[in-house]
């Protein structure tokens, strides 16, 4: 009877795990297509995850590398709403809904994705979504979407430009930022994973996404992508520079309107878009100076900006954000909140790019993980200790070094092979003692299981690299626009941040 009960319990655990992962993958797939349905999938996933915690006694919560700055950012964000000069229920409602969505996304993915196969499935989900987004962009470009009345372009500066695709997203610039991220992920996977056919498929995907990016005519996003390609090509793989040069040549010679848009950035005359951004930036700086600690409040920029409107003559126009990630964050949640946010943001980027070999960065990371672990232990002791932490994850460097240096007794060290080789030359008797079987085991072809594990490890490395490049693209793009002001873009950022944390734990 107990055996039947155990079998039933294991089946229940497998089922709730499976459905939790399906909810996570559904959120990833639906985010760029139907954000409301993606939020619903998130809620379903959270309920299933809680059920999994209850059903599976062996499923433990685990600390993620940047829990501390995330918690600090949430705390300061709440304080910014509480002390905001804008007394509106909308601020509190906006903060609770949006921040709650971001944190639940981060925790759900970071706590549940624990294998390379799960990462692979999630990447397939967001990749399939990206295919649909790109196809919709091509459809809009081929059949025409007149955006003359949508205020996305300066008609006087670019009278010939009548099309800017936005696909399933609300704005061409948002679509461009999304494509930047997806191109970076594909680039990372291309560098680390796949056979010849898979690499060709990834190159084709990058080319098609780059063409769709050109259809948005977003100058900032294109220059961001150019910077990422150049940085990666110079540091890691010069062949990427060849791909970049080919793409640029095709885009410039294939579409003169696109080339005119890019060249316009380097001219002395500012169009209305550039002038507007500069005016907003100039106005935002004194806003930060007047509210340095708690900021004006999460989501309160549009209410406060009219007091600092030094540029726009038409006060009826609502400015929702600063069109600069760094200025907007500092203005809304203050300098402390901005530092916490960028600690998480750039820490995730450095971790994904595997920059932990730097001693200063390694020290800072170790201190952050130590403090984060202590906070987790304190919280868990308060709530009963149901979810014990695995402290062996945080072994000292010396213990890790000892573990790595342990040798499998069944394997032959290269020094032993050298000694055996010398013995062989000196004596036929010693030659007879040479272990042919062990040597054959070393030089034998890997098994199918070992090959599959190697591929999964390469995929995880590719995903980590791709996410690091994606965060780099968001960081560079952030100088010209705050695309993370958009809900879909910001949710994607938290998804990828959690995925990078999960991939880092799998690697270690």
Protein backbone atom coordinates (compact mmCIF):
# COMPACT_ATOMS: atom_id res chain seq x y z
CA UNK A 1 0.00 0.00 0.00
CA UNK A 2 2.86 2.34 0.87
CA UNK A 3 4.54 1.52 -2.44
CA UNK A 4 1.40 2.48 -4.36
CA UNK A 5 1.22 5.69 -2.37
CA UNK A 6 4.87 6.48 -3.19
CA UNK A 7 4.28 5.88 -6.90
CA UNK A 8 1.24 8.15 -6.81
CA UNK A 9 3.23 10.84 -4.99
CA UNK A 10 6.07 10.71 -7.51
CA UNK A 11 3.59 10.99 -10.37
CA UNK A 12 2.00 13.99 -8.71
CA UNK A 13 5.40 15.63 -8.33
CA UNK A 14 6.27 14.98 -12.00
CA UNK A 15 2.93 16.37 -13.15
CA UNK A 16 3.14 19.59 -11.15
CA UNK A 17 6.75 20.10 -12.29
CA UNK A 18 5.77 19.55 -15.92
CA UNK A 19 2.85 21.95 -15.79
CA UNK A 20 4.92 24.59 -13.99
CA UNK A 21 7.48 24.46 -16.78
CA UNK A 22 4.74 24.65 -19.43
CA UNK A 23 3.43 27.81 -17.75
CA UNK A 24 6.94 29.31 -17.81
CA UNK A 25 7.40 28.45 -21.47
CA UNK A 26 3.93 29.84 -22.27
CA UNK A 27 4.88 33.15 -20.65
CA UNK A 28 8.07 33.30 -22.74
CA UNK A 29 6.22 32.51 -25.96
CA UNK A 30 3.27 34.84 -25.40
CA UNK A 31 5.11 37.89 -24.06
CA UNK A 32 5.89 39.55 -27.41
CA UNK A 33 2.58 38.43 -28.95
CA UNK A 34 -0.13 38.72 -26.29
CA UNK A 35 1.25 40.30 -23.09
CA UNK A 36 -2.04 39.91 -21.23
CA UNK A 37 -2.03 36.16 -21.86
CA UNK A 38 1.63 36.06 -20.85
CA UNK A 39 0.71 37.64 -17.52
CA UNK A 40 -2.04 35.05 -17.08
CA UNK A 41 0.48 32.28 -17.78
CA UNK A 42 2.75 33.84 -15.15
CA UNK A 43 -0.01 33.73 -12.55
CA UNK A 44 -0.78 30.10 -13.38
CA UNK A 45 2.92 29.29 -13.13
CA UNK A 46 3.20 30.92 -9.69
CA UNK A 47 0.24 28.89 -8.37
CA UNK A 48 1.74 25.68 -9.75
CA UNK A 49 5.13 26.54 -8.30
CA UNK A 50 3.62 27.05 -4.85
CA UNK A 51 1.87 23.69 -5.25
CA UNK A 52 5.21 22.15 -6.18
CA UNK A 53 6.80 23.53 -3.02
CA UNK A 54 4.03 21.89 -1.02
CA UNK A 55 4.03 18.55 -2.85
CA UNK A 56 7.75 17.99 -3.41
CA UNK A 57 9.59 17.98 -0.08
CA UNK A 58 12.94 17.71 -1.89
CA UNK A 59 12.41 20.84 -3.94
CA UNK A 60 14.39 23.59 -2.23
CA UNK A 61 14.44 27.33 -2.69
CA UNK A 62 17.86 28.58 -3.68
CA UNK A 63 19.56 31.99 -3.57
CA UNK A 64 20.16 33.61 -6.95
CA UNK A 65 23.32 35.66 -7.51
CA UNK A 66 21.64 39.07 -7.45
CA UNK A 67 18.81 38.68 -4.96
CA UNK A 68 20.24 41.45 -2.78
CA UNK A 69 20.25 44.35 -5.27
CA UNK A 70 16.87 43.20 -6.55
CA UNK A 71 15.43 43.31 -3.02
CA UNK A 72 17.05 46.71 -2.42
CA UNK A 73 15.60 48.05 -5.67
CA UNK A 74 12.10 46.88 -4.73
CA UNK A 75 12.41 48.45 -1.27
CA UNK A 76 13.64 51.80 -2.56
CA UNK A 77 11.00 51.71 -5.31
CA UNK A 78 8.26 51.31 -2.69
CA UNK A 79 9.77 54.19 -0.68
CA UNK A 80 9.79 56.38 -3.78
CA UNK A 81 6.03 55.88 -4.12
CA UNK A 82 5.43 56.51 -0.41
CA UNK A 83 7.40 59.79 -0.40
CA UNK A 84 6.50 60.97 -3.89
CA UNK A 85 5.32 64.59 -4.23
CA UNK A 86 2.56 63.16 -6.44
CA UNK A 87 -0.26 61.97 -4.20
CA UNK A 88 -2.06 59.57 -6.49
CA UNK A 89 -3.37 56.05 -6.07
CA UNK A 90 -2.20 55.36 -9.62
CA UNK A 91 1.43 55.36 -8.49
CA UNK A 92 0.89 52.70 -5.83
CA UNK A 93 -1.29 50.61 -8.15
CA UNK A 94 1.25 50.87 -10.98
CA UNK A 95 4.12 49.94 -8.67
CA UNK A 96 2.37 46.94 -7.12
CA UNK A 97 1.19 45.52 -10.45
CA UNK A 98 4.34 46.10 -12.48
CA UNK A 99 6.93 45.40 -9.81
CA UNK A 100 4.93 42.38 -8.68
CA UNK A 101 4.92 41.06 -12.26
CA UNK A 102 8.66 41.61 -12.64
CA UNK A 103 9.60 39.95 -9.36
CA UNK A 104 7.27 37.00 -9.84
CA UNK A 105 8.74 36.47 -13.33
CA UNK A 106 12.28 36.61 -11.96
CA UNK A 107 11.59 34.26 -9.07
CA UNK A 108 9.47 31.78 -11.05
CA UNK A 109 12.09 31.31 -13.77
CA UNK A 110 15.12 31.52 -11.50
CA UNK A 111 13.79 28.97 -9.03
CA UNK A 112 12.31 26.43 -11.46
CA UNK A 113 14.67 26.25 -14.44
CA UNK A 114 17.45 23.97 -13.23
CA UNK A 115 18.58 21.87 -16.20
CA UNK A 116 20.07 22.52 -19.60
CA UNK A 117 17.07 20.86 -21.25
CA UNK A 118 14.73 23.33 -19.56
CA UNK A 119 16.85 26.23 -20.77
CA UNK A 120 16.79 24.76 -24.27
CA UNK A 121 13.00 24.51 -24.24
CA UNK A 122 12.60 28.09 -22.97
CA UNK A 123 14.93 29.42 -25.70
CA UNK A 124 12.87 27.52 -28.27
CA UNK A 125 9.71 29.15 -26.89
CA UNK A 126 11.00 32.73 -27.16
CA UNK A 127 12.62 31.85 -30.50
CA UNK A 128 9.30 30.64 -31.94
CA UNK A 129 7.71 33.86 -30.71
CA UNK A 130 10.46 35.89 -32.40
CA UNK A 131 9.74 34.10 -35.71
CA UNK A 132 6.09 35.21 -35.56
CA UNK A 133 7.09 38.77 -34.62
CA UNK A 134 9.49 38.98 -37.59
CA UNK A 135 6.92 37.53 -40.01
CA UNK A 136 4.37 40.10 -38.86
CA UNK A 137 6.98 42.81 -39.46
CA UNK A 138 7.56 41.60 -43.02
CA UNK A 139 3.80 41.49 -43.58
CA UNK A 140 3.44 45.12 -42.47
CA UNK A 141 6.31 46.22 -44.68
CA UNK A 142 5.11 44.38 -47.79
CA UNK A 143 1.45 45.39 -47.56
CA UNK A 144 2.10 48.81 -46.12
CA UNK A 145 1.37 50.56 -42.85
CA UNK A 146 1.07 54.33 -43.24
CA UNK A 147 2.48 55.86 -40.08
CA UNK A 148 2.30 59.48 -41.19
CA UNK A 149 -0.14 60.37 -38.40
CA UNK A 150 1.60 58.34 -35.68
CA UNK A 151 4.31 60.91 -34.88
CA UNK A 152 7.14 58.39 -35.19
CA UNK A 153 9.09 60.36 -37.76
CA UNK A 154 9.93 63.90 -38.70
CA UNK A 155 8.01 64.29 -41.98
CA UNK A 156 9.95 67.41 -42.93
CA UNK A 157 13.36 65.82 -42.40
CA UNK A 158 12.41 62.47 -44.01
CA UNK A 159 9.50 63.09 -46.41
CA UNK A 160 10.14 59.85 -48.32
CA UNK A 161 9.73 57.65 -45.24
CA UNK A 162 6.17 56.33 -45.07
CA UNK A 163 6.66 52.91 -43.47
CA UNK A 164 8.01 51.93 -40.08
CA UNK A 165 7.03 48.45 -38.96
CA UNK A 166 6.16 47.72 -35.34
CA UNK A 167 4.83 44.14 -35.69
CA UNK A 168 3.08 42.93 -32.52
CA UNK A 169 4.73 45.60 -30.37
CA UNK A 170 3.36 49.09 -29.98
CA UNK A 171 6.20 51.13 -31.42
CA UNK A 172 8.97 50.73 -34.04
CA UNK A 173 11.63 51.62 -31.48
CA UNK A 174 10.33 48.99 -29.05
CA UNK A 175 10.34 46.38 -31.83
CA UNK A 176 13.89 47.42 -32.75
CA UNK A 177 15.06 46.99 -29.16
CA UNK A 178 13.37 43.58 -29.01
CA UNK A 179 15.09 42.51 -32.24
CA UNK A 180 18.44 43.69 -30.86
CA UNK A 181 17.96 41.37 -27.88
CA UNK A 182 16.94 38.39 -30.01
CA UNK A 183 19.83 38.91 -32.44
CA UNK A 184 22.23 38.95 -29.49
CA UNK A 185 20.84 35.67 -28.13
CA UNK A 186 21.13 34.05 -31.56
CA UNK A 187 24.68 35.40 -31.87
CA UNK A 188 25.68 33.92 -28.50
CA UNK A 189 24.26 30.51 -29.36
CA UNK A 190 25.92 30.66 -32.78
CA UNK A 191 29.30 31.20 -31.13
CA UNK A 192 29.05 28.27 -28.73
CA UNK A 193 26.57 25.69 -29.99
CA UNK A 194 25.49 23.69 -32.98
CA UNK A 195 26.78 21.74 -35.95
CA UNK A 196 27.22 23.21 -39.42
CA UNK A 197 23.51 23.04 -40.33
CA UNK A 198 22.42 24.60 -37.05
CA UNK A 199 24.96 27.40 -37.44
CA UNK A 200 23.74 28.12 -40.97
CA UNK A 201 20.17 28.28 -39.64
CA UNK A 202 21.24 30.72 -36.92
CA UNK A 203 23.05 32.93 -39.46
CA UNK A 204 19.91 33.00 -41.62
CA UNK A 205 17.82 33.93 -38.57
CA UNK A 206 20.23 36.76 -37.69
CA UNK A 207 20.09 38.11 -41.27
CA UNK A 208 16.27 38.01 -41.34
CA UNK A 209 16.01 39.72 -37.96
CA UNK A 210 18.54 42.35 -39.07
CA UNK A 211 16.44 43.05 -42.17
CA UNK A 212 13.34 43.44 -39.99
CA UNK A 213 15.38 45.74 -37.73
CA UNK A 214 16.15 47.91 -40.77
CA UNK A 215 12.41 48.10 -41.53
CA UNK A 216 11.87 49.85 -38.18
CA UNK A 217 14.27 52.62 -39.28
CA UNK A 218 15.36 52.92 -35.65
CA UNK A 219 18.72 54.63 -35.68
CA UNK A 220 19.58 54.06 -32.05
CA UNK A 221 18.84 50.34 -32.20
CA UNK A 222 20.91 49.91 -35.36
CA UNK A 223 23.92 51.70 -33.89
CA UNK A 224 23.52 49.66 -30.73
CA UNK A 225 23.62 46.45 -32.73
CA UNK A 226 26.64 47.72 -34.64
CA UNK A 227 28.45 48.40 -31.36
CA UNK A 228 27.66 44.92 -30.02
CA UNK A 229 28.88 43.24 -33.22
CA UNK A 230 32.11 45.27 -33.24
CA UNK A 231 32.85 44.72 -29.54
CA UNK A 232 32.20 41.01 -29.76
CA UNK A 233 34.10 40.67 -33.04
CA UNK A 234 37.20 42.46 -31.75
CA UNK A 235 37.30 40.66 -28.40
CA UNK A 236 36.11 37.15 -29.27
CA UNK A 237 35.67 36.26 -32.94
CA UNK A 238 36.73 38.41 -35.91
CA UNK A 239 34.50 36.35 -38.24
CA UNK A 240 31.49 38.11 -36.72
CA UNK A 241 32.87 41.34 -38.14
CA UNK A 242 32.62 39.86 -41.63
CA UNK A 243 28.96 39.01 -41.04
CA UNK A 244 28.40 42.53 -39.72
CA UNK A 245 30.06 44.16 -42.74
CA UNK A 246 27.96 42.06 -45.13
CA UNK A 247 24.75 43.00 -43.29
CA UNK A 248 25.61 46.70 -43.28
CA UNK A 249 26.44 46.64 -46.99
CA UNK A 250 23.16 44.93 -47.86
CA UNK A 251 21.13 47.36 -45.76
CA UNK A 252 22.88 50.51 -46.97
CA UNK A 253 22.84 49.68 -50.64
CA UNK A 254 19.43 48.01 -50.55
CA UNK A 255 17.56 50.90 -48.93
CA UNK A 256 18.70 54.48 -49.47
CA UNK A 257 16.10 55.77 -47.01
CA UNK A 258 17.63 53.63 -44.28
CA UNK A 259 21.14 54.84 -45.07
CA UNK A 260 19.91 58.45 -45.03
CA UNK A 261 18.41 57.89 -41.57
CA UNK A 262 21.69 56.53 -40.21
CA UNK A 263 23.82 59.24 -41.81
CA UNK A 264 21.50 61.91 -40.37
CA UNK A 265 22.78 61.10 -36.86
CA UNK A 266 26.20 62.45 -37.76
CA UNK A 267 25.01 65.68 -39.37
CA UNK A 268 25.00 68.98 -37.53
CA UNK A 269 21.29 69.60 -38.04
CA UNK A 270 19.04 67.98 -35.43
CA UNK A 271 15.67 66.61 -36.48
CA UNK A 272 12.67 66.87 -34.14
CA UNK A 273 13.33 63.45 -32.58
CA UNK A 274 16.91 64.21 -31.64
CA UNK A 275 16.07 67.71 -30.44
CA UNK A 276 13.20 66.44 -28.30
CA UNK A 277 15.38 63.88 -26.57
CA UNK A 278 18.12 66.38 -25.78
CA UNK A 279 15.56 68.81 -24.42
CA UNK A 280 14.08 66.14 -22.13
CA UNK A 281 17.52 65.09 -20.89
CA UNK A 282 18.42 68.67 -20.05
CA UNK A 283 15.14 69.02 -18.14
CA UNK A 284 15.56 65.72 -16.26
CA UNK A 285 18.92 66.54 -14.69
CA UNK A 286 17.55 69.26 -12.35
CA UNK A 287 14.67 66.90 -11.50
CA UNK A 288 17.22 64.40 -10.20
CA UNK A 289 19.11 67.14 -8.37
CA UNK A 290 15.92 68.22 -6.58
CA UNK A 291 14.94 64.63 -5.59
CA UNK A 292 18.25 62.75 -5.19
CA UNK A 293 17.29 60.19 -2.54
CA UNK A 294 13.79 58.79 -3.18
CA UNK A 295 13.23 60.31 -6.61
CA UNK A 296 9.92 61.72 -7.80
CA UNK A 297 8.26 58.32 -7.44
CA UNK A 298 7.92 55.15 -9.51
CA UNK A 299 5.92 56.08 -12.63
CA UNK A 300 5.60 59.74 -11.58
CA UNK A 301 7.82 61.22 -14.30
CA UNK A 302 4.89 62.27 -16.49
CA UNK A 303 3.31 64.16 -13.56
CA UNK A 304 6.46 66.00 -12.50
CA UNK A 305 8.02 66.76 -15.88
CA UNK A 306 5.78 69.81 -16.67
CA UNK A 307 7.47 71.59 -13.73
CA UNK A 308 10.82 71.16 -15.48
CA UNK A 309 9.63 71.64 -19.05
CA UNK A 310 12.39 73.83 -20.44
CA UNK A 311 12.00 72.68 -24.04
CA UNK A 312 8.46 71.91 -25.22
CA UNK A 313 6.34 74.89 -26.14
CA UNK A 314 3.22 72.72 -26.37
CA UNK A 315 2.43 71.82 -22.77
CA UNK A 316 -0.46 69.60 -23.86
CA UNK A 317 2.03 66.93 -24.94
CA UNK A 318 2.58 64.33 -22.22
CA UNK A 319 6.16 63.15 -21.71
CA UNK A 320 5.97 59.71 -20.09
CA UNK A 321 9.67 59.04 -19.58
CA UNK A 322 13.10 60.62 -20.05
CA UNK A 323 14.05 58.69 -23.22
CA UNK A 324 17.19 57.66 -21.33
CA UNK A 325 17.35 54.56 -19.14
CA UNK A 326 19.84 56.02 -16.68
CA UNK A 327 18.26 59.43 -16.25
CA UNK A 328 14.74 58.04 -16.05
CA UNK A 329 15.64 55.48 -13.37
CA UNK A 330 17.50 58.03 -11.25
CA UNK A 331 14.66 60.55 -11.63
CA UNK A 332 11.91 58.14 -10.54
CA UNK A 333 13.54 56.08 -7.77
CA UNK A 334 16.46 58.27 -6.79
CA UNK A 335 20.19 57.71 -6.92
CA UNK A 336 20.16 54.87 -4.36
CA UNK A 337 17.42 53.04 -6.22
CA UNK A 338 19.22 53.56 -9.52
CA UNK A 339 22.47 52.17 -8.07
CA UNK A 340 20.62 49.09 -6.80
CA UNK A 341 18.94 48.59 -10.17
CA UNK A 342 22.16 48.91 -12.14
CA UNK A 343 23.97 46.70 -9.65
CA UNK A 344 21.50 43.99 -10.64
CA UNK A 345 21.52 44.95 -14.33
CA UNK A 346 25.27 45.18 -14.95
CA UNK A 347 26.03 42.41 -12.46
CA UNK A 348 23.83 40.11 -14.52
CA UNK A 349 25.54 41.26 -17.71
CA UNK A 350 29.04 40.66 -16.30
CA UNK A 351 28.01 37.27 -14.93
CA UNK A 352 26.50 36.20 -18.24
CA UNK A 353 29.60 37.36 -20.11
CA UNK A 354 31.69 35.35 -17.63
CA UNK A 355 33.80 38.25 -16.41
CA UNK A 356 34.18 36.72 -12.95
CA UNK A 357 37.86 35.99 -13.64
CA UNK A 358 38.51 39.63 -12.82
CA UNK A 359 39.67 39.69 -9.17
CA UNK A 360 37.87 42.91 -8.20
CA UNK A 361 34.63 41.74 -9.74
CA UNK A 362 35.08 38.32 -8.10
CA UNK A 363 35.50 39.94 -4.67
CA UNK A 364 32.38 42.09 -5.10
CA UNK A 365 30.37 39.09 -6.33
CA UNK A 366 31.50 36.93 -3.42
CA UNK A 367 30.53 39.61 -0.90
CA UNK A 368 27.12 40.06 -2.56
CA UNK A 369 26.49 36.31 -2.52
CA UNK A 370 27.57 36.05 1.12
CA UNK A 371 25.25 38.86 2.22
CA UNK A 372 22.43 37.44 0.09
CA UNK A 373 22.90 34.00 1.67
CA UNK A 374 22.78 35.43 5.18
CA UNK A 375 19.56 37.28 4.39
CA UNK A 376 18.04 34.08 2.99
CA UNK A 377 19.07 32.10 6.08
CA UNK A 378 17.52 34.70 8.36
CA UNK A 379 14.24 34.70 6.41
CA UNK A 380 14.12 30.93 6.31
CA UNK A 381 14.73 30.68 10.05
CA UNK A 382 11.83 33.06 10.60
CA UNK A 383 9.47 31.06 8.41
CA UNK A 384 10.25 27.66 9.91
CA UNK A 385 13.18 26.38 7.88
CA UNK A 386 11.11 24.29 5.45
CA UNK A 387 13.43 25.29 2.64
CA UNK A 388 16.97 24.64 3.88
CA UNK A 389 19.71 26.17 1.83
CA UNK A 390 22.46 24.07 0.29
CA UNK A 391 25.51 25.72 1.84
CA UNK A 392 27.91 23.52 -0.03
CA UNK A 393 27.08 25.64 -3.11
CA UNK A 394 29.17 28.37 -1.52
CA UNK A 395 32.34 26.33 -0.89
CA UNK A 396 35.57 28.21 -0.43
CA UNK A 397 37.90 28.56 -3.37
CA UNK A 398 40.33 26.20 -1.67
CA UNK A 399 37.70 23.46 -1.36
CA UNK A 400 36.68 23.95 -4.98
CA UNK A 401 40.28 23.75 -6.05
CA UNK A 402 40.76 20.51 -4.15
CA UNK A 403 37.59 19.08 -5.69
CA UNK A 404 38.73 20.01 -9.19
CA UNK A 405 42.13 18.46 -8.62
CA UNK A 406 40.73 15.09 -7.56
CA UNK A 407 41.48 12.55 -10.23
CA UNK A 408 39.48 9.58 -11.35
CA UNK A 409 41.58 6.50 -10.42
CA UNK A 410 40.46 4.82 -13.64
CA UNK A 411 42.06 7.54 -15.80
CA UNK A 412 45.72 7.90 -16.68
CA UNK A 413 47.40 11.26 -16.12
CA UNK A 414 49.52 12.59 -18.98
CA UNK A 415 52.61 12.50 -16.72
CA UNK A 416 52.02 8.80 -16.15
CA UNK A 417 51.85 8.29 -19.90
CA UNK A 418 55.16 10.09 -20.26
CA UNK A 419 56.77 7.93 -17.59
CA UNK A 420 55.39 4.81 -19.25
CA UNK A 421 56.77 6.00 -22.55
CA UNK A 422 60.24 6.42 -21.03
CA UNK A 423 60.05 2.96 -19.46
CA UNK A 424 59.09 1.51 -22.81
CA UNK A 425 62.25 2.86 -24.39
CA UNK A 426 64.48 1.51 -21.63
CA UNK A 427 63.12 -2.00 -21.21
CA UNK A 428 60.93 -4.49 -23.05
CA UNK A 429 59.73 -5.74 -19.66
CA UNK A 430 58.49 -2.26 -18.75
CA UNK A 431 56.80 -2.10 -22.14
CA UNK A 432 54.72 -5.12 -21.21
CA UNK A 433 53.48 -3.30 -18.10
CA UNK A 434 52.07 -0.38 -20.12
CA UNK A 435 48.28 -0.41 -19.64
CA UNK A 436 46.88 -0.52 -23.17
CA UNK A 437 43.32 -0.70 -21.90
CA UNK A 438 43.59 2.55 -19.94
CA UNK A 439 45.21 4.28 -22.89
CA UNK A 440 42.38 3.08 -25.13
CA UNK A 441 39.80 4.39 -22.67
CA UNK A 442 41.39 7.83 -22.90
CA UNK A 443 41.55 7.93 -26.67
CA UNK A 444 38.20 6.21 -27.31
CA UNK A 445 35.31 8.14 -28.83
CA UNK A 446 32.81 9.67 -26.39
CA UNK A 447 29.53 7.91 -25.79
CA UNK A 448 26.17 9.23 -26.98
CA UNK A 449 25.38 10.33 -23.43
CA UNK A 450 28.66 12.25 -23.18
CA UNK A 451 28.04 13.90 -26.56
CA UNK A 452 24.53 14.96 -25.48
CA UNK A 453 25.88 16.36 -22.21
CA UNK A 454 28.60 18.24 -24.10
CA UNK A 455 26.00 19.75 -26.45
CA UNK A 456 23.82 20.81 -23.51
CA UNK A 457 26.82 22.43 -21.81
CA UNK A 458 27.66 24.28 -25.02
CA UNK A 459 24.06 25.43 -25.33
CA UNK A 460 24.08 26.79 -21.77
CA UNK A 461 27.33 28.63 -22.52
CA UNK A 462 25.81 30.03 -25.72
CA UNK A 463 22.68 31.19 -23.92
CA UNK A 464 24.76 32.85 -21.20
CA UNK A 465 26.85 34.66 -23.79
CA UNK A 466 23.74 35.68 -25.74
CA UNK A 467 22.05 37.08 -22.63
CA UNK A 468 25.21 38.99 -21.73
CA UNK A 469 25.25 40.55 -25.20
CA UNK A 470 21.51 41.25 -24.94
CA UNK A 471 22.04 43.16 -21.68
CA UNK A 472 24.90 45.00 -23.35
CA UNK A 473 22.54 46.04 -26.15
CA UNK A 474 19.94 47.26 -23.64
CA UNK A 475 22.65 49.19 -21.78
CA UNK A 476 23.90 50.92 -24.94
CA UNK A 477 20.38 51.56 -26.23
CA UNK A 478 19.57 53.05 -22.84
CA UNK A 479 21.63 56.15 -23.61
CA UNK A 480 19.22 57.20 -26.37
CA UNK A 481 15.92 55.74 -25.17
CA UNK A 482 14.37 54.01 -22.16
CA UNK A 483 12.93 51.01 -23.98
CA UNK A 484 12.54 49.22 -20.65
CA UNK A 485 9.76 51.70 -19.95
CA UNK A 486 7.71 49.39 -22.17
CA UNK A 487 6.13 46.54 -20.17
CA UNK A 488 6.96 43.81 -22.70
CA UNK A 489 10.59 44.89 -22.98
CA UNK A 490 11.05 45.17 -19.22
CA UNK A 491 9.42 41.79 -18.59
CA UNK A 492 11.74 40.27 -21.20
CA UNK A 493 14.69 41.78 -19.36
CA UNK A 494 13.62 40.17 -16.06
CA UNK A 495 13.03 36.85 -17.83
CA UNK A 496 16.51 36.86 -19.32
CA UNK A 497 18.06 38.01 -16.04
CA UNK A 498 16.52 35.05 -14.24
CA UNK A 499 17.55 32.71 -17.06
CA UNK A 500 21.15 33.97 -16.80
CA UNK A 501 21.10 33.29 -13.06
CA UNK A 502 19.74 29.78 -13.64
CA UNK A 503 22.35 29.10 -16.34
CA UNK A 504 25.12 30.33 -14.04
CA UNK A 505 24.01 27.92 -11.28
CA UNK A 506 23.85 25.04 -13.78
CA UNK A 507 27.38 25.83 -14.93
CA UNK A 508 28.73 25.89 -11.38
